[in-house]
Amino acid sequence: MTRSFVRTLVFTSALVLAGVGTAQAEPHPAIQAAIQQIDQALFILQHRAAHDFGGHRVVAIRQLQHARQQLILAERADVR
């Protein structure tokens, strides 16, 4: 997993959050898709990464966990 992939996931999550105010049937498909992608990235970083990458792997894991939590909170906050 490269840093650019992790950055792309975090950026994608931010874009999804920008569209939270739109009326959609629950659950939000875009948010759910982003959460699934983050879960896949977390699994790879936690279980398949060969080494620590100078500490950057751990930082990426924390940032992905934070992005995942923000998506969950955004979905809960969208009260219709």
PDB file of N, CA and C in Angstrom:
ATOM      1  N   MET A   1       0.846  -1.173   0.000  1.00  0.00           N
ATOM      2  CA  MET A   1       0.000   0.000   0.000  1.00  0.00           C
ATOM      3  C   MET A   1       0.892   1.236   0.000  1.00  0.00           C
ATOM      4  N   THR A   2       0.611   2.143  -0.877  1.00  0.00           N
ATOM      5  CA  THR A   2       1.428   3.334  -0.981  1.00  0.00           C
ATOM      6  C   THR A   2       0.775   4.494  -0.235  1.00  0.00           C
ATOM      7  N   ARG A   3       1.600   5.484   0.042  1.00  0.00           N
ATOM      8  CA  ARG A   3       1.064   6.671   0.719  1.00  0.00           C
ATOM      9  C   ARG A   3       0.012   7.361  -0.142  1.00  0.00           C
ATOM     10  N   SER A   4       0.229   7.364  -1.443  1.00  0.00           N
ATOM     11  CA  SER A   4      -0.739   8.030  -2.316  1.00  0.00           C
ATOM     12  C   SER A   4      -2.104   7.337  -2.254  1.00  0.00           C
ATOM     13  N   PHE A   5      -2.119   5.999  -2.094  1.00  0.00           N
ATOM     14  CA  PHE A   5      -3.386   5.285  -1.963  1.00  0.00           C
ATOM     15  C   PHE A   5      -4.105   5.689  -0.678  1.00  0.00           C
ATOM     16  N   VAL A   6      -3.354   5.778   0.417  1.00  0.00           N
ATOM     17  CA  VAL A   6      -3.947   6.176   1.690  1.00  0.00           C
ATOM     18  C   VAL A   6      -4.461   7.605   1.593  1.00  0.00           C
ATOM     19  N   ARG A   7      -3.686   8.485   0.979  1.00  0.00           N
ATOM     20  CA  ARG A   7      -4.138   9.869   0.809  1.00  0.00           C
ATOM     21  C   ARG A   7      -5.419   9.920  -0.021  1.00  0.00           C
ATOM     22  N   THR A   8      -5.469   9.093  -1.060  1.00  0.00           N
ATOM     23  CA  THR A   8      -6.667   9.045  -1.903  1.00  0.00           C
ATOM     24  C   THR A   8      -7.878   8.605  -1.100  1.00  0.00           C
ATOM     25  N   LEU A   9      -7.707   7.597  -0.243  1.00  0.00           N
ATOM     26  CA  LEU A   9      -8.830   7.145   0.587  1.00  0.00           C
ATOM     27  C   LEU A   9      -9.318   8.238   1.525  1.00  0.00           C
ATOM     28  N   VAL A  10      -8.377   8.931   2.164  1.00  0.00           N
ATOM     29  CA  VAL A  10      -8.756  10.005   3.088  1.00  0.00           C
ATOM     30  C   VAL A  10      -9.437  11.136   2.317  1.00  0.00           C
ATOM     31  N   PHE A  11      -8.893  11.489   1.154  1.00  0.00           N
ATOM     32  CA  PHE A  11      -9.484  12.541   0.341  1.00  0.00           C
ATOM     33  C   PHE A  11     -10.885  12.153  -0.130  1.00  0.00           C
ATOM     34  N   THR A  12     -11.044  10.903  -0.554  1.00  0.00           N
ATOM     35  CA  THR A  12     -12.350  10.413  -0.984  1.00  0.00           C
ATOM     36  C   THR A  12     -13.357  10.497   0.155  1.00  0.00           C
ATOM     37  N   SER A  13     -12.914  10.148   1.336  1.00  0.00           N
ATOM     38  CA  SER A  13     -13.795  10.228   2.505  1.00  0.00           C
ATOM     39  C   SER A  13     -14.245  11.663   2.739  1.00  0.00           C
ATOM     40  N   ALA A  14     -13.332  12.607   2.571  1.00  0.00           N
ATOM     41  CA  ALA A  14     -13.679  14.016   2.750  1.00  0.00           C
ATOM     42  C   ALA A  14     -14.699  14.458   1.697  1.00  0.00           C
ATOM     43  N   LEU A  15     -14.532  13.994   0.472  1.00  0.00           N
ATOM     44  CA  LEU A  15     -15.492  14.341  -0.582  1.00  0.00           C
ATOM     45  C   LEU A  15     -16.869  13.777  -0.275  1.00  0.00           C
ATOM     46  N   VAL A  16     -16.903  12.582   0.246  1.00  0.00           N
ATOM     47  CA  VAL A  16     -18.186  11.969   0.609  1.00  0.00           C
ATOM     48  C   VAL A  16     -18.863  12.813   1.677  1.00  0.00           C
ATOM     49  N   LEU A  17     -18.092  13.286   2.644  1.00  0.00           N
ATOM     50  CA  LEU A  17     -18.664  14.105   3.714  1.00  0.00           C
ATOM     51  C   LEU A  17     -19.269  15.395   3.164  1.00  0.00           C
ATOM     52  N   ALA A  18     -18.710  15.927   2.109  1.00  0.00           N
ATOM     53  CA  ALA A  18     -19.219  17.173   1.530  1.00  0.00           C
ATOM     54  C   ALA A  18     -20.634  17.007   0.994  1.00  0.00           C
ATOM     55  N   GLY A  19     -21.015  15.801   0.617  1.00  0.00           N
ATOM     56  CA  GLY A  19     -22.346  15.569   0.068  1.00  0.00           C
ATOM     57  C   GLY A  19     -23.339  15.010   1.053  1.00  0.00           C
ATOM     58  N   VAL A  20     -23.034  15.075   2.345  1.00  0.00           N
ATOM     59  CA  VAL A  20     -23.878  14.449   3.356  1.00  0.00           C
ATOM     60  C   VAL A  20     -25.251  15.096   3.443  1.00  0.00           C
ATOM     61  N   GLY A  21     -25.368  16.379   3.151  1.00  0.00           N
ATOM     62  CA  GLY A  21     -26.640  17.072   3.310  1.00  0.00           C
ATOM     63  C   GLY A  21     -27.695  16.709   2.295  1.00  0.00           C
ATOM     64  N   THR A  22     -27.366  15.956   1.287  1.00  0.00           N
ATOM     65  CA  THR A  22     -28.354  15.610   0.274  1.00  0.00           C
ATOM     66  C   THR A  22     -29.310  14.549   0.800  1.00  0.00           C
ATOM     67  N   ALA A  23     -30.536  14.598   0.316  1.00  0.00           N
ATOM     68  CA  ALA A  23     -31.543  13.633   0.765  1.00  0.00           C
ATOM     69  C   ALA A  23     -31.331  12.313   0.045  1.00  0.00           C
ATOM     70  N   GLN A  24     -31.102  11.259   0.812  1.00  0.00           N
ATOM     71  CA  GLN A  24     -30.919   9.925   0.273  1.00  0.00           C
ATOM     72  C   GLN A  24     -31.623   8.938   1.188  1.00  0.00           C
ATOM     73  N   ALA A  25     -31.919   7.777   0.627  1.00  0.00           N
ATOM     74  CA  ALA A  25     -32.464   6.710   1.457  1.00  0.00           C
ATOM     75  C   ALA A  25     -31.362   6.229   2.394  1.00  0.00           C
ATOM     76  N   GLU A  26     -31.725   5.821   3.610  1.00  0.00           N
ATOM     77  CA  GLU A  26     -30.686   5.356   4.512  1.00  0.00           C
ATOM     78  C   GLU A  26     -30.433   3.879   4.336  1.00  0.00           C
ATOM     79  N   PRO A  27     -29.290   3.368   4.584  1.00  0.00           N
ATOM     80  CA  PRO A  27     -28.042   4.091   4.846  1.00  0.00           C
ATOM     81  C   PRO A  27     -27.496   4.730   3.566  1.00  0.00           C
ATOM     82  N   HIS A  28     -26.586   5.643   3.739  1.00  0.00           N
ATOM     83  CA  HIS A  28     -26.015   6.372   2.616  1.00  0.00           C
ATOM     84  C   HIS A  28     -25.055   5.474   1.842  1.00  0.00           C
ATOM     85  N   PRO A  29     -25.359   5.163   0.597  1.00  0.00           N
ATOM     86  CA  PRO A  29     -24.516   4.247  -0.170  1.00  0.00           C
ATOM     87  C   PRO A  29     -23.085   4.743  -0.343  1.00  0.00           C
ATOM     88  N   ALA A  30     -22.900   6.026  -0.571  1.00  0.00           N
ATOM     89  CA  ALA A  30     -21.548   6.555  -0.777  1.00  0.00           C
ATOM     90  C   ALA A  30     -20.718   6.453   0.499  1.00  0.00           C
ATOM     91  N   ILE A  31     -21.335   6.759   1.632  1.00  0.00           N
ATOM     92  CA  ILE A  31     -20.620   6.662   2.907  1.00  0.00           C
ATOM     93  C   ILE A  31     -20.315   5.205   3.221  1.00  0.00           C
ATOM     94  N   GLN A  32     -21.259   4.335   2.986  1.00  0.00           N
ATOM     95  CA  GLN A  32     -21.023   2.908   3.237  1.00  0.00           C
ATOM     96  C   GLN A  32     -19.900   2.373   2.353  1.00  0.00           C
ATOM     97  N   ALA A  33     -19.850   2.806   1.100  1.00  0.00           N
ATOM     98  CA  ALA A  33     -18.778   2.374   0.199  1.00  0.00           C
ATOM     99  C   ALA A  33     -17.424   2.876   0.679  1.00  0.00           C
ATOM    100  N   ALA A  34     -17.374   4.128   1.135  1.00  0.00           N
ATOM    101  CA  ALA A  34     -16.113   4.676   1.645  1.00  0.00           C
ATOM    102  C   ALA A  34     -15.657   3.925   2.894  1.00  0.00           C
ATOM    103  N   ILE A  35     -16.596   3.595   3.773  1.00  0.00           N
ATOM    104  CA  ILE A  35     -16.256   2.835   4.984  1.00  0.00           C
ATOM    105  C   ILE A  35     -15.698   1.465   4.603  1.00  0.00           C
ATOM    106  N   GLN A  36     -16.297   0.820   3.624  1.00  0.00           N
ATOM    107  CA  GLN A  36     -15.805  -0.493   3.187  1.00  0.00           C
ATOM    108  C   GLN A  36     -14.394  -0.393   2.620  1.00  0.00           C
ATOM    109  N   GLN A  37     -14.123   0.657   1.852  1.00  0.00           N
ATOM    110  CA  GLN A  37     -12.784   0.841   1.298  1.00  0.00           C
ATOM    111  C   GLN A  37     -11.761   1.093   2.400  1.00  0.00           C
ATOM    112  N   ILE A  38     -12.151   1.885   3.387  1.00  0.00           N
ATOM    113  CA  ILE A  38     -11.260   2.136   4.514  1.00  0.00           C
ATOM    114  C   ILE A  38     -10.998   0.843   5.276  1.00  0.00           C
ATOM    115  N   ASP A  39     -12.040   0.039   5.486  1.00  0.00           N
ATOM    116  CA  ASP A  39     -11.865  -1.248   6.170  1.00  0.00           C
ATOM    117  C   ASP A  39     -10.879  -2.143   5.427  1.00  0.00           C
ATOM    118  N   GLN A  40     -10.969  -2.163   4.103  1.00  0.00           N
ATOM    119  CA  GLN A  40     -10.038  -2.967   3.310  1.00  0.00           C
ATOM    120  C   GLN A  40      -8.609  -2.457   3.462  1.00  0.00           C
ATOM    121  N   ALA A  41      -8.442  -1.145   3.416  1.00  0.00           N
ATOM    122  CA  ALA A  41      -7.105  -0.563   3.574  1.00  0.00           C
ATOM    123  C   ALA A  41      -6.546  -0.854   4.961  1.00  0.00           C
ATOM    124  N   LEU A  42      -7.396  -0.748   5.978  1.00  0.00           N
ATOM    125  CA  LEU A  42      -6.950  -1.045   7.345  1.00  0.00           C
ATOM    126  C   LEU A  42      -6.507  -2.495   7.474  1.00  0.00           C
ATOM    127  N   PHE A  43      -7.263  -3.408   6.891  1.00  0.00           N
ATOM    128  CA  PHE A  43      -6.900  -4.817   6.962  1.00  0.00           C
ATOM    129  C   PHE A  43      -5.524  -5.056   6.335  1.00  0.00           C
ATOM    130  N   ILE A  44      -5.316  -4.465   5.174  1.00  0.00           N
ATOM    131  CA  ILE A  44      -4.036  -4.638   4.489  1.00  0.00           C
ATOM    132  C   ILE A  44      -2.899  -4.070   5.332  1.00  0.00           C
ATOM    133  N   LEU A  45      -3.078  -2.874   5.852  1.00  0.00           N
ATOM    134  CA  LEU A  45      -2.024  -2.251   6.655  1.00  0.00           C
ATOM    135  C   LEU A  45      -1.766  -3.004   7.959  1.00  0.00           C
ATOM    136  N   GLN A  46      -2.811  -3.531   8.561  1.00  0.00           N
ATOM    137  CA  GLN A  46      -2.662  -4.206   9.853  1.00  0.00           C
ATOM    138  C   GLN A  46      -2.194  -5.644   9.731  1.00  0.00           C
ATOM    139  N   HIS A  47      -2.492  -6.315   8.619  1.00  0.00           N
ATOM    140  CA  HIS A  47      -2.221  -7.748   8.539  1.00  0.00           C
ATOM    141  C   HIS A  47      -1.288  -8.169   7.418  1.00  0.00           C
ATOM    142  N   ARG A  48      -1.122  -7.338   6.417  1.00  0.00           N
ATOM    143  CA  ARG A  48      -0.311  -7.766   5.275  1.00  0.00           C
ATOM    144  C   ARG A  48       0.910  -6.895   5.022  1.00  0.00           C
ATOM    145  N   ALA A  49       1.006  -5.768   5.688  1.00  0.00           N
ATOM    146  CA  ALA A  49       2.153  -4.883   5.460  1.00  0.00           C
ATOM    147  C   ALA A  49       3.428  -5.560   5.953  1.00  0.00           C
ATOM    148  N   ALA A  50       4.453  -5.530   5.121  1.00  0.00           N
ATOM    149  CA  ALA A  50       5.692  -6.252   5.417  1.00  0.00           C
ATOM    150  C   ALA A  50       6.488  -5.629   6.565  1.00  0.00           C
ATOM    151  N   HIS A  51       6.452  -4.325   6.671  1.00  0.00           N
ATOM    152  CA  HIS A  51       7.195  -3.658   7.743  1.00  0.00           C
ATOM    153  C   HIS A  51       6.527  -2.338   8.090  1.00  0.00           C
ATOM    154  N   ASP A  52       7.170  -1.574   8.948  1.00  0.00           N
ATOM    155  CA  ASP A  52       6.571  -0.371   9.529  1.00  0.00           C
ATOM    156  C   ASP A  52       6.654   0.863   8.633  1.00  0.00           C
ATOM    157  N   PHE A  53       7.484   0.836   7.619  1.00  0.00           N
ATOM    158  CA  PHE A  53       7.659   1.978   6.714  1.00  0.00           C
ATOM    159  C   PHE A  53       8.042   3.251   7.470  1.00  0.00           C
ATOM    160  N   GLY A  54       8.980   3.105   8.387  1.00  0.00           N
ATOM    161  CA  GLY A  54       9.489   4.274   9.117  1.00  0.00           C
ATOM    162  C   GLY A  54       8.456   4.936  10.007  1.00  0.00           C
ATOM    163  N   GLY A  55       7.485   4.180  10.487  1.00  0.00           N
ATOM    164  CA  GLY A  55       6.445   4.728  11.351  1.00  0.00           C
ATOM    165  C   GLY A  55       5.235   5.266  10.609  1.00  0.00           C
ATOM    166  N   HIS A  56       5.339   5.373   9.302  1.00  0.00           N
ATOM    167  CA  HIS A  56       4.235   5.947   8.518  1.00  0.00           C
ATOM    168  C   HIS A  56       3.038   5.010   8.427  1.00  0.00           C
ATOM    169  N   ARG A  57       3.258   3.715   8.512  1.00  0.00           N
ATOM    170  CA  ARG A  57       2.154   2.758   8.488  1.00  0.00           C
ATOM    171  C   ARG A  57       1.232   2.980   9.679  1.00  0.00           C
ATOM    172  N   VAL A  58       1.823   3.154  10.845  1.00  0.00           N
ATOM    173  CA  VAL A  58       1.032   3.363  12.063  1.00  0.00           C
ATOM    174  C   VAL A  58       0.243   4.673  11.971  1.00  0.00           C
ATOM    175  N   VAL A  59       0.874   5.708  11.458  1.00  0.00           N
ATOM    176  CA  VAL A  59       0.181   6.992  11.289  1.00  0.00           C
ATOM    177  C   VAL A  59      -0.979   6.840  10.310  1.00  0.00           C
ATOM    178  N   ALA A  60      -0.750   6.131   9.217  1.00  0.00           N
ATOM    179  CA  ALA A  60      -1.814   5.920   8.228  1.00  0.00           C
ATOM    180  C   ALA A  60      -2.977   5.145   8.834  1.00  0.00           C
ATOM    181  N   ILE A  61      -2.674   4.141   9.661  1.00  0.00           N
ATOM    182  CA  ILE A  61      -3.733   3.370  10.323  1.00  0.00           C
ATOM    183  C   ILE A  61      -4.571   4.284  11.212  1.00  0.00           C
ATOM    184  N   ARG A  62      -3.916   5.111  11.996  1.00  0.00           N
ATOM    185  CA  ARG A  62      -4.656   6.042  12.880  1.00  0.00           C
ATOM    186  C   ARG A  62      -5.531   6.990  12.079  1.00  0.00           C
ATOM    187  N   GLN A  63      -4.987   7.528  10.981  1.00  0.00           N
ATOM    188  CA  GLN A  63      -5.757   8.475  10.173  1.00  0.00           C
ATOM    189  C   GLN A  63      -6.944   7.799   9.491  1.00  0.00           C
ATOM    190  N   LEU A  64      -6.756   6.577   9.043  1.00  0.00           N
ATOM    191  CA  LEU A  64      -7.869   5.841   8.448  1.00  0.00           C
ATOM    192  C   LEU A  64      -8.946   5.523   9.479  1.00  0.00           C
ATOM    193  N   GLN A  65      -8.534   5.159  10.692  1.00  0.00           N
ATOM    194  CA  GLN A  65      -9.505   4.896  11.754  1.00  0.00           C
ATOM    195  C   GLN A  65     -10.294   6.164  12.077  1.00  0.00           C
ATOM    196  N   HIS A  66      -9.602   7.301  12.084  1.00  0.00           N
ATOM    197  CA  HIS A  66     -10.276   8.575  12.348  1.00  0.00           C
ATOM    198  C   HIS A  66     -11.252   8.911  11.208  1.00  0.00           C
ATOM    199  N   ALA A  67     -10.820   8.727   9.969  1.00  0.00           N
ATOM    200  CA  ALA A  67     -11.698   8.998   8.819  1.00  0.00           C
ATOM    201  C   ALA A  67     -12.933   8.101   8.866  1.00  0.00           C
ATOM    202  N   ARG A  68     -12.740   6.845   9.237  1.00  0.00           N
ATOM    203  CA  ARG A  68     -13.857   5.897   9.336  1.00  0.00           C
ATOM    204  C   ARG A  68     -14.864   6.367  10.387  1.00  0.00           C
ATOM    205  N   GLN A  69     -14.354   6.788  11.534  1.00  0.00           N
ATOM    206  CA  GLN A  69     -15.231   7.257  12.610  1.00  0.00           C
ATOM    207  C   GLN A  69     -15.986   8.514  12.183  1.00  0.00           C
ATOM    208  N   GLN A  70     -15.324   9.412  11.459  1.00  0.00           N
ATOM    209  CA  GLN A  70     -15.986  10.624  10.989  1.00  0.00           C
ATOM    210  C   GLN A  70     -17.112  10.296  10.011  1.00  0.00           C
ATOM    211  N   LEU A  71     -16.903   9.314   9.162  1.00  0.00           N
ATOM    212  CA  LEU A  71     -17.963   8.905   8.228  1.00  0.00           C
ATOM    213  C   LEU A  71     -19.165   8.329   8.980  1.00  0.00           C
ATOM    214  N   ILE A  72     -18.910   7.558  10.008  1.00  0.00           N
ATOM    215  CA  ILE A  72     -19.996   7.006  10.819  1.00  0.00           C
ATOM    216  C   ILE A  72     -20.763   8.122  11.491  1.00  0.00           C
ATOM    217  N   LEU A  73     -20.036   9.079  12.068  1.00  0.00           N
ATOM    218  CA  LEU A  73     -20.700  10.213  12.732  1.00  0.00           C
ATOM    219  C   LEU A  73     -21.473  11.071  11.736  1.00  0.00           C
ATOM    220  N   ALA A  74     -20.943  11.252  10.546  1.00  0.00           N
ATOM    221  CA  ALA A  74     -21.638  12.034   9.527  1.00  0.00           C
ATOM    222  C   ALA A  74     -22.942  11.372   9.134  1.00  0.00           C
ATOM    223  N   GLU A  75     -22.911  10.062   9.000  1.00  0.00           N
ATOM    224  CA  GLU A  75     -24.126   9.339   8.631  1.00  0.00           C
ATOM    225  C   GLU A  75     -25.169   9.445   9.744  1.00  0.00           C
ATOM    226  N   ARG A  76     -24.733   9.360  10.971  1.00  0.00           N
ATOM    227  CA  ARG A  76     -25.673   9.476  12.113  1.00  0.00           C
ATOM    228  C   ARG A  76     -26.236  10.883  12.237  1.00  0.00           C
ATOM    229  N   ALA A  77     -25.431  11.887  11.882  1.00  0.00           N
ATOM    230  CA  ALA A  77     -25.833  13.280  12.051  1.00  0.00           C
ATOM    231  C   ALA A  77     -26.814  13.747  10.986  1.00  0.00           C
ATOM    232  N   ASP A  78     -26.918  13.012   9.900  1.00  0.00           N
ATOM    233  CA  ASP A  78     -27.806  13.418   8.813  1.00  0.00           C
ATOM    234  C   ASP A  78     -29.234  13.070   9.169  1.00  0.00           C
ATOM    235  N   VAL A  79     -29.859  13.966   9.909  1.00  0.00           N
ATOM    236  CA  VAL A  79     -31.251  13.745  10.360  1.00  0.00           C
ATOM    237  C   VAL A  79     -32.183  14.344   9.323  1.00  0.00           C
ATOM    238  N   ARG A  80     -33.117  13.531   8.885  1.00  0.00           N
ATOM    239  CA  ARG A  80     -34.084  14.017   7.878  1.00  0.00           C
ATOM    240  C   ARG A  80     -35.402  14.298   8.524  1.00  0.00           C
TER     241      ARG A  80
END
